[in-house]
Protein backbone atom coordinates (compact mmCIF):
# COMPACT_ATOMS: atom_id res chain seq x y z
CA UNK A 1 0.00 0.00 0.00
CA UNK A 2 3.05 2.19 -0.18
CA UNK A 3 2.93 2.51 -3.97
CA UNK A 4 1.08 5.72 -4.84
CA UNK A 5 0.78 5.14 -8.58
CA UNK A 6 -2.44 3.59 -9.90
CA UNK A 7 -2.06 0.07 -11.28
CA UNK A 8 -2.92 -0.88 -14.85
CA UNK A 9 -6.03 -3.04 -15.17
CA UNK A 10 -5.37 -6.34 -16.98
CA UNK A 11 -8.88 -6.28 -18.48
CA UNK A 12 -9.33 -2.74 -19.76
CA UNK A 13 -5.64 -1.80 -19.94
CA UNK A 14 -6.46 1.46 -18.18
CA UNK A 15 -5.66 2.73 -14.72
CA UNK A 16 -7.34 1.00 -11.81
CA UNK A 17 -10.04 3.45 -10.76
CA UNK A 18 -13.66 3.73 -9.69
CA UNK A 19 -14.71 3.57 -13.36
CA UNK A 20 -14.08 -0.19 -13.28
CA UNK A 21 -16.75 -2.52 -11.92
CA UNK A 22 -14.09 -4.55 -10.10
CA UNK A 23 -12.77 -1.56 -8.13
CA UNK A 24 -13.56 -1.41 -4.39
CA UNK A 25 -13.75 2.20 -3.23
CA UNK A 26 -13.22 2.52 0.54
CA UNK A 27 -15.93 5.20 0.59
CA UNK A 28 -18.45 2.51 -0.41
CA UNK A 29 -17.61 0.38 2.65
CA UNK A 30 -19.07 1.14 6.03
CA UNK A 31 -16.64 2.50 8.60
CA UNK A 32 -16.37 -0.69 10.67
CA UNK A 33 -15.56 -2.91 7.67
CA UNK A 34 -13.14 -0.36 6.23
CA UNK A 35 -11.29 -0.04 9.56
CA UNK A 36 -11.10 -3.80 10.11
CA UNK A 37 -9.76 -4.43 6.60
CA UNK A 38 -7.29 -1.58 6.96
CA UNK A 39 -6.08 -2.81 10.35
CA UNK A 40 -5.00 -6.16 8.86
CA UNK A 41 -3.52 -4.54 5.76
CA UNK A 42 -6.06 -5.69 3.17
CA UNK A 43 -7.15 -2.24 2.02
CA UNK A 44 -5.94 1.30 2.53
CA UNK A 45 -8.41 3.63 4.28
CA UNK A 46 -7.92 6.28 1.60
CA UNK A 47 -7.26 4.28 -1.58
CA UNK A 48 -9.31 1.63 -3.29
CA UNK A 49 -8.27 -1.77 -4.53
CA UNK A 50 -9.20 -4.14 -7.34
CA UNK A 51 -11.61 -6.78 -6.03
CA UNK A 52 -9.64 -9.54 -7.77
CA UNK A 53 -6.43 -8.40 -6.10
CA UNK A 54 -8.28 -8.23 -2.78
CA UNK A 55 -9.57 -11.78 -3.25
CA UNK A 56 -6.07 -12.99 -4.05
CA UNK A 57 -4.65 -11.33 -0.94
CA UNK A 58 -7.37 -12.89 1.23
CA UNK A 59 -6.81 -16.39 -0.14
CA UNK A 60 -3.05 -16.06 0.26
CA UNK A 61 -3.50 -14.96 3.87
CA UNK A 62 -5.84 -17.89 4.54
CA UNK A 63 -3.31 -20.35 3.14
CA UNK A 64 -0.42 -18.72 4.98
CA UNK A 65 -2.22 -18.92 8.34
CA UNK A 66 -2.73 -22.65 8.12
CA UNK A 67 -5.90 -22.96 6.10
CA UNK A 68 -4.11 -25.32 3.74
CA UNK A 69 -4.91 -28.14 6.20
CA UNK A 70 -8.54 -27.83 5.13
CA UNK A 71 -7.67 -28.52 1.50
CA UNK A 72 -6.28 -32.03 2.16
C-alpha atoms as a PDB file:
ATOM      1  CA  UNK A   1       0.000   0.000   0.000  1.00  0.00           C
ATOM      2  CA  UNK A   2       3.047   2.195  -0.175  1.00  0.00           C
ATOM      3  CA  UNK A   3       2.925   2.505  -3.966  1.00  0.00           C
ATOM      4  CA  UNK A   4       1.078   5.724  -4.841  1.00  0.00           C
ATOM      5  CA  UNK A   5       0.777   5.140  -8.579  1.00  0.00           C
ATOM      6  CA  UNK A   6      -2.441   3.587  -9.905  1.00  0.00           C
ATOM      7  CA  UNK A   7      -2.062   0.071 -11.283  1.00  0.00           C
ATOM      8  CA  UNK A   8      -2.915  -0.885 -14.851  1.00  0.00           C
ATOM      9  CA  UNK A   9      -6.028  -3.039 -15.171  1.00  0.00           C
ATOM     10  CA  UNK A  10      -5.373  -6.344 -16.980  1.00  0.00           C
ATOM     11  CA  UNK A  11      -8.878  -6.279 -18.479  1.00  0.00           C
ATOM     12  CA  UNK A  12      -9.327  -2.736 -19.758  1.00  0.00           C
ATOM     13  CA  UNK A  13      -5.637  -1.799 -19.942  1.00  0.00           C
ATOM     14  CA  UNK A  14      -6.455   1.464 -18.182  1.00  0.00           C
ATOM     15  CA  UNK A  15      -5.664   2.731 -14.724  1.00  0.00           C
ATOM     16  CA  UNK A  16      -7.338   0.995 -11.805  1.00  0.00           C
ATOM     17  CA  UNK A  17     -10.043   3.450 -10.762  1.00  0.00           C
ATOM     18  CA  UNK A  18     -13.655   3.735  -9.694  1.00  0.00           C
ATOM     19  CA  UNK A  19     -14.707   3.575 -13.357  1.00  0.00           C
ATOM     20  CA  UNK A  20     -14.083  -0.190 -13.282  1.00  0.00           C
ATOM     21  CA  UNK A  21     -16.750  -2.520 -11.925  1.00  0.00           C
ATOM     22  CA  UNK A  22     -14.086  -4.554 -10.099  1.00  0.00           C
ATOM     23  CA  UNK A  23     -12.771  -1.565  -8.127  1.00  0.00           C
ATOM     24  CA  UNK A  24     -13.565  -1.407  -4.392  1.00  0.00           C
ATOM     25  CA  UNK A  25     -13.753   2.199  -3.232  1.00  0.00           C
ATOM     26  CA  UNK A  26     -13.222   2.516   0.543  1.00  0.00           C
ATOM     27  CA  UNK A  27     -15.931   5.197   0.589  1.00  0.00           C
ATOM     28  CA  UNK A  28     -18.454   2.508  -0.413  1.00  0.00           C
ATOM     29  CA  UNK A  29     -17.613   0.382   2.647  1.00  0.00           C
ATOM     30  CA  UNK A  30     -19.072   1.139   6.027  1.00  0.00           C
ATOM     31  CA  UNK A  31     -16.638   2.504   8.598  1.00  0.00           C
ATOM     32  CA  UNK A  32     -16.371  -0.694  10.669  1.00  0.00           C
ATOM     33  CA  UNK A  33     -15.561  -2.907   7.670  1.00  0.00           C
ATOM     34  CA  UNK A  34     -13.138  -0.360   6.232  1.00  0.00           C
ATOM     35  CA  UNK A  35     -11.285  -0.039   9.556  1.00  0.00           C
ATOM     36  CA  UNK A  36     -11.100  -3.805  10.106  1.00  0.00           C
ATOM     37  CA  UNK A  37      -9.763  -4.429   6.605  1.00  0.00           C
ATOM     38  CA  UNK A  38      -7.287  -1.584   6.955  1.00  0.00           C
ATOM     39  CA  UNK A  39      -6.085  -2.814  10.346  1.00  0.00           C
ATOM     40  CA  UNK A  40      -5.005  -6.163   8.862  1.00  0.00           C
ATOM     41  CA  UNK A  41      -3.522  -4.541   5.758  1.00  0.00           C
ATOM     42  CA  UNK A  42      -6.057  -5.689   3.169  1.00  0.00           C
ATOM     43  CA  UNK A  43      -7.152  -2.237   2.017  1.00  0.00           C
ATOM     44  CA  UNK A  44      -5.944   1.302   2.533  1.00  0.00           C
ATOM     45  CA  UNK A  45      -8.412   3.626   4.282  1.00  0.00           C
ATOM     46  CA  UNK A  46      -7.921   6.282   1.598  1.00  0.00           C
ATOM     47  CA  UNK A  47      -7.264   4.277  -1.585  1.00  0.00           C
ATOM     48  CA  UNK A  48      -9.314   1.628  -3.288  1.00  0.00           C
ATOM     49  CA  UNK A  49      -8.268  -1.766  -4.533  1.00  0.00           C
ATOM     50  CA  UNK A  50      -9.199  -4.141  -7.344  1.00  0.00           C
ATOM     51  CA  UNK A  51     -11.606  -6.779  -6.025  1.00  0.00           C
ATOM     52  CA  UNK A  52      -9.640  -9.543  -7.772  1.00  0.00           C
ATOM     53  CA  UNK A  53      -6.430  -8.400  -6.100  1.00  0.00           C
ATOM     54  CA  UNK A  54      -8.284  -8.230  -2.782  1.00  0.00           C
ATOM     55  CA  UNK A  55      -9.574 -11.782  -3.254  1.00  0.00           C
ATOM     56  CA  UNK A  56      -6.068 -12.995  -4.050  1.00  0.00           C
ATOM     57  CA  UNK A  57      -4.649 -11.332  -0.937  1.00  0.00           C
ATOM     58  CA  UNK A  58      -7.372 -12.886   1.225  1.00  0.00           C
ATOM     59  CA  UNK A  59      -6.811 -16.393  -0.139  1.00  0.00           C
ATOM     60  CA  UNK A  60      -3.047 -16.058   0.263  1.00  0.00           C
ATOM     61  CA  UNK A  61      -3.504 -14.962   3.869  1.00  0.00           C
ATOM     62  CA  UNK A  62      -5.843 -17.891   4.540  1.00  0.00           C
ATOM     63  CA  UNK A  63      -3.309 -20.351   3.143  1.00  0.00           C
ATOM     64  CA  UNK A  64      -0.421 -18.721   4.976  1.00  0.00           C
ATOM     65  CA  UNK A  65      -2.221 -18.920   8.336  1.00  0.00           C
ATOM     66  CA  UNK A  66      -2.728 -22.654   8.115  1.00  0.00           C
ATOM     67  CA  UNK A  67      -5.899 -22.961   6.104  1.00  0.00           C
ATOM     68  CA  UNK A  68      -4.109 -25.315   3.743  1.00  0.00           C
ATOM     69  CA  UNK A  69      -4.911 -28.141   6.198  1.00  0.00           C
ATOM     70  CA  UNK A  70      -8.544 -27.828   5.133  1.00  0.00           C
ATOM     71  CA  UNK A  71      -7.665 -28.516   1.504  1.00  0.00           C
ATOM     72  CA  UNK A  72      -6.283 -32.025   2.161  1.00  0.00           C
END
